[in-house]
Amino acid sequence: MRFHWERSSRLPRPPWWAAALVGCWLLLVLGGVLVERRGAPSVETCLFHRLSGHPCPTCGSTRVVLAFTRGDWTGALRLNPLVALGLGLVFLWLLTRLATGRTLHMTASLRERGALLAVGVTLLLANWIWVLQTQP
């Protein structure tokens, strides 16, 4: 696996399905934040939670964003560690990209990609177990 900084004039394009998925998720989180900020009662927007009665791996995302806006970093980590760390890393990546005009690229072999996928799935499952243990 190799990491390198590369100067680029534009942001890399994600696959359309990934952009759509992240965009929908961000709209749901933003909607939840706006509802909470107006003082309205909390609305459960998670379809998985509504159908199964259990939190999904990203449950608490709205509360994580609200905790970040209050400066409650440890509270955000307690609510959903993977979402909190992911949002923090994306923020740092964007800040670095905007400040320097460079972006971090990674090249990995097929075997390394498989290992990264396994680590990602393991982290997602571990995070889900955390969320199931800590949220109602």
C-alpha atoms as a PDB file:
ATOM      1  CA  MET A   1       0.000   0.000   0.000  1.00  0.00           C
ATOM      2  CA  ARG A   2       1.344   3.395  -0.935  1.00  0.00           C
ATOM      3  CA  PHE A   3       0.134   6.860   0.045  1.00  0.00           C
ATOM      4  CA  HIS A   4       1.132  10.022  -1.776  1.00  0.00           C
ATOM      5  CA  TRP A   5       0.079  13.667  -1.954  1.00  0.00           C
ATOM      6  CA  GLU A   6      -0.976  14.904  -5.346  1.00  0.00           C
ATOM      7  CA  ARG A   7      -1.796  18.421  -6.467  1.00  0.00           C
ATOM      8  CA  SER A   8      -5.114  18.531  -8.247  1.00  0.00           C
ATOM      9  CA  SER A   9      -7.257  21.296  -9.655  1.00  0.00           C
ATOM     10  CA  ARG A  10     -10.518  19.540  -8.791  1.00  0.00           C
ATOM     11  CA  LEU A  11     -11.890  17.130  -6.243  1.00  0.00           C
ATOM     12  CA  PRO A  12     -11.945  13.455  -7.268  1.00  0.00           C
ATOM     13  CA  ARG A  13     -15.305  12.148  -8.457  1.00  0.00           C
ATOM     14  CA  PRO A  14     -16.866   9.371  -6.409  1.00  0.00           C
ATOM     15  CA  PRO A  15     -19.013   6.703  -8.094  1.00  0.00           C
ATOM     16  CA  TRP A  16     -22.553   7.999  -8.718  1.00  0.00           C
ATOM     17  CA  TRP A  17     -24.151   5.456  -6.367  1.00  0.00           C
ATOM     18  CA  ALA A  18     -21.803   6.391  -3.506  1.00  0.00           C
ATOM     19  CA  ALA A  19     -22.473  10.091  -4.018  1.00  0.00           C
ATOM     20  CA  ALA A  20     -26.234   9.445  -4.079  1.00  0.00           C
ATOM     21  CA  LEU A  21     -26.073   7.322  -0.923  1.00  0.00           C
ATOM     22  CA  VAL A  22     -23.990   9.863   0.991  1.00  0.00           C
ATOM     23  CA  GLY A  23     -26.161  12.710  -0.307  1.00  0.00           C
ATOM     24  CA  CYS A  24     -29.368  11.031   0.913  1.00  0.00           C
ATOM     25  CA  TRP A  25     -27.783  10.287   4.283  1.00  0.00           C
ATOM     26  CA  LEU A  26     -26.597  13.893   4.639  1.00  0.00           C
ATOM     27  CA  LEU A  27     -30.069  15.210   3.758  1.00  0.00           C
ATOM     28  CA  LEU A  28     -31.610  13.011   6.460  1.00  0.00           C
ATOM     29  CA  VAL A  29     -29.061  14.173   9.023  1.00  0.00           C
ATOM     30  CA  LEU A  30     -29.521  17.822   8.020  1.00  0.00           C
ATOM     31  CA  GLY A  31     -33.305  17.442   8.262  1.00  0.00           C
ATOM     32  CA  GLY A  32     -32.968  15.935  11.718  1.00  0.00           C
ATOM     33  CA  VAL A  33     -30.624  18.724  12.827  1.00  0.00           C
ATOM     34  CA  LEU A  34     -33.047  21.391  11.557  1.00  0.00           C
ATOM     35  CA  VAL A  35     -35.996  19.710  13.306  1.00  0.00           C
ATOM     36  CA  GLU A  36     -34.038  19.456  16.573  1.00  0.00           C
ATOM     37  CA  ARG A  37     -32.782  23.068  16.323  1.00  0.00           C
ATOM     38  CA  ARG A  38     -36.338  24.402  15.957  1.00  0.00           C
ATOM     39  CA  GLY A  39     -37.275  22.759  19.235  1.00  0.00           C
ATOM     40  CA  ALA A  40     -39.687  20.330  17.598  1.00  0.00           C
ATOM     41  CA  PRO A  41     -39.939  16.866  19.080  1.00  0.00           C
ATOM     42  CA  SER A  42     -37.342  14.435  17.761  1.00  0.00           C
ATOM     43  CA  VAL A  43     -38.506  12.619  14.659  1.00  0.00           C
ATOM     44  CA  GLU A  44     -37.204   9.124  14.055  1.00  0.00           C
ATOM     45  CA  THR A  45     -36.092   9.168  10.431  1.00  0.00           C
ATOM     46  CA  CYS A  46     -34.323   5.803  10.334  1.00  0.00           C
ATOM     47  CA  LEU A  47     -36.397   3.353   8.283  1.00  0.00           C
ATOM     48  CA  PHE A  48     -34.338   0.391   9.548  1.00  0.00           C
ATOM     49  CA  HIS A  49     -35.095   1.347  13.181  1.00  0.00           C
ATOM     50  CA  ARG A  50     -38.775   1.842  12.422  1.00  0.00           C
ATOM     51  CA  LEU A  51     -39.101  -1.552  10.725  1.00  0.00           C
ATOM     52  CA  SER A  52     -36.871  -3.666  12.992  1.00  0.00           C
ATOM     53  CA  GLY A  53     -37.047  -1.874  16.323  1.00  0.00           C
ATOM     54  CA  HIS A  54     -33.228  -1.877  16.489  1.00  0.00           C
ATOM     55  CA  PRO A  55     -30.754   0.901  15.689  1.00  0.00           C
ATOM     56  CA  CYS A  56     -28.866   0.727  12.398  1.00  0.00           C
ATOM     57  CA  PRO A  57     -25.053   1.118  12.190  1.00  0.00           C
ATOM     58  CA  THR A  58     -25.376   4.883  11.642  1.00  0.00           C
ATOM     59  CA  CYS A  59     -28.108   5.533  14.220  1.00  0.00           C
ATOM     60  CA  GLY A  60     -27.260   8.610  16.247  1.00  0.00           C
ATOM     61  CA  SER A  61     -25.783  10.482  13.268  1.00  0.00           C
ATOM     62  CA  THR A  62     -28.024  13.486  13.839  1.00  0.00           C
ATOM     63  CA  ARG A  63     -27.083  13.569  17.522  1.00  0.00           C
ATOM     64  CA  VAL A  64     -23.397  13.246  16.543  1.00  0.00           C
ATOM     65  CA  VAL A  65     -23.683  16.332  14.311  1.00  0.00           C
ATOM     66  CA  LEU A  66     -25.531  18.215  17.077  1.00  0.00           C
ATOM     67  CA  ALA A  67     -22.831  17.211  19.592  1.00  0.00           C
ATOM     68  CA  PHE A  68     -20.148  18.498  17.196  1.00  0.00           C
ATOM     69  CA  THR A  69     -21.976  21.832  16.823  1.00  0.00           C
ATOM     70  CA  ARG A  70     -22.013  22.149  20.635  1.00  0.00           C
ATOM     71  CA  GLY A  71     -18.304  21.290  20.836  1.00  0.00           C
ATOM     72  CA  ASP A  72     -19.041  18.038  22.681  1.00  0.00           C
ATOM     73  CA  TRP A  73     -16.416  15.849  20.973  1.00  0.00           C
ATOM     74  CA  THR A  74     -16.473  13.046  23.557  1.00  0.00           C
ATOM     75  CA  GLY A  75     -20.273  12.979  23.495  1.00  0.00           C
ATOM     76  CA  ALA A  76     -20.200  12.576  19.721  1.00  0.00           C
ATOM     77  CA  LEU A  77     -17.721   9.709  20.022  1.00  0.00           C
ATOM     78  CA  ARG A  78     -19.882   8.006  22.659  1.00  0.00           C
ATOM     79  CA  LEU A  79     -22.992   8.216  20.480  1.00  0.00           C
ATOM     80  CA  ASN A  80     -21.539   6.645  17.339  1.00  0.00           C
ATOM     81  CA  PRO A  81     -17.741   6.332  17.141  1.00  0.00           C
ATOM     82  CA  LEU A  82     -17.557   5.374  13.457  1.00  0.00           C
ATOM     83  CA  VAL A  83     -19.762   8.248  12.278  1.00  0.00           C
ATOM     84  CA  ALA A  84     -17.966  10.745  14.534  1.00  0.00           C
ATOM     85  CA  LEU A  85     -14.503   9.655  13.369  1.00  0.00           C
ATOM     86  CA  GLY A  86     -15.639   9.482   9.752  1.00  0.00           C
ATOM     87  CA  LEU A  87     -17.075  12.997   9.837  1.00  0.00           C
ATOM     88  CA  GLY A  88     -13.918  14.266  11.544  1.00  0.00           C
ATOM     89  CA  LEU A  89     -11.645  12.650   8.959  1.00  0.00           C
ATOM     90  CA  VAL A  90     -13.728  13.948   6.050  1.00  0.00           C
ATOM     91  CA  PHE A  91     -13.606  17.443   7.572  1.00  0.00           C
ATOM     92  CA  LEU A  92      -9.798  17.243   7.935  1.00  0.00           C
ATOM     93  CA  TRP A  93      -9.417  15.905   4.385  1.00  0.00           C
ATOM     94  CA  LEU A  94     -11.545  18.740   2.970  1.00  0.00           C
ATOM     95  CA  LEU A  95      -9.729  21.338   5.069  1.00  0.00           C
ATOM     96  CA  THR A  96      -6.346  20.037   3.871  1.00  0.00           C
ATOM     97  CA  ARG A  97      -7.590  19.908   0.295  1.00  0.00           C
ATOM     98  CA  LEU A  98      -8.881  23.480   0.381  1.00  0.00           C
ATOM     99  CA  ALA A  99      -5.838  24.877   2.233  1.00  0.00           C
ATOM    100  CA  THR A 100      -3.097  23.204   0.187  1.00  0.00           C
ATOM    101  CA  GLY A 101      -4.709  22.250  -3.102  1.00  0.00           C
ATOM    102  CA  ARG A 102      -3.400  18.714  -2.581  1.00  0.00           C
ATOM    103  CA  THR A 103      -5.228  15.510  -1.852  1.00  0.00           C
ATOM    104  CA  LEU A 104      -4.026  12.232  -0.396  1.00  0.00           C
ATOM    105  CA  HIS A 105      -4.114   9.285  -2.787  1.00  0.00           C
ATOM    106  CA  MET A 106      -3.680   5.654  -1.953  1.00  0.00           C
ATOM    107  CA  THR A 107      -2.691   2.893  -4.304  1.00  0.00           C
ATOM    108  CA  ALA A 108      -3.259  -0.667  -3.148  1.00  0.00           C
ATOM    109  CA  SER A 109      -2.958  -4.091  -4.680  1.00  0.00           C
ATOM    110  CA  LEU A 110      -5.992  -6.342  -5.059  1.00  0.00           C
ATOM    111  CA  ARG A 111      -4.961  -8.269  -1.950  1.00  0.00           C
ATOM    112  CA  GLU A 112      -4.550  -5.064   0.067  1.00  0.00           C
ATOM    113  CA  ARG A 113      -7.955  -3.854  -1.109  1.00  0.00           C
ATOM    114  CA  GLY A 114      -9.497  -7.101   0.126  1.00  0.00           C
ATOM    115  CA  ALA A 115      -7.801  -6.628   3.502  1.00  0.00           C
ATOM    116  CA  LEU A 116      -9.051  -3.022   3.692  1.00  0.00           C
ATOM    117  CA  LEU A 117     -12.575  -4.188   2.884  1.00  0.00           C
ATOM    118  CA  ALA A 118     -12.366  -6.822   5.645  1.00  0.00           C
ATOM    119  CA  VAL A 119     -11.132  -4.201   8.128  1.00  0.00           C
ATOM    120  CA  GLY A 120     -13.921  -1.823   7.074  1.00  0.00           C
ATOM    121  CA  VAL A 121     -16.632  -4.464   7.495  1.00  0.00           C
ATOM    122  CA  THR A 122     -15.168  -5.444  10.882  1.00  0.00           C
ATOM    123  CA  LEU A 123     -15.179  -1.803  12.017  1.00  0.00           C
ATOM    124  CA  LEU A 124     -18.762  -1.385  10.817  1.00  0.00           C
ATOM    125  CA  LEU A 125     -19.895  -4.486  12.727  1.00  0.00           C
ATOM    126  CA  ALA A 126     -17.985  -3.456  15.873  1.00  0.00           C
ATOM    127  CA  ASN A 127     -19.557   0.002  15.662  1.00  0.00           C
ATOM    128  CA  TRP A 128     -23.011  -1.541  15.241  1.00  0.00           C
ATOM    129  CA  ILE A 129     -22.472  -3.665  18.348  1.00  0.00           C
ATOM    130  CA  TRP A 130     -21.475  -0.472  20.217  1.00  0.00           C
ATOM    131  CA  VAL A 131     -24.596   1.324  18.986  1.00  0.00           C
ATOM    132  CA  LEU A 132     -26.838  -1.634  19.942  1.00  0.00           C
ATOM    133  CA  GLN A 133     -25.334  -1.658  23.448  1.00  0.00           C
ATOM    134  CA  THR A 134     -25.508   2.074  24.111  1.00  0.00           C
ATOM    135  CA  GLN A 135     -28.694   3.284  22.409  1.00  0.00           C
ATOM    136  CA  PRO A 136     -32.305   2.441  23.242  1.00  0.00           C
END
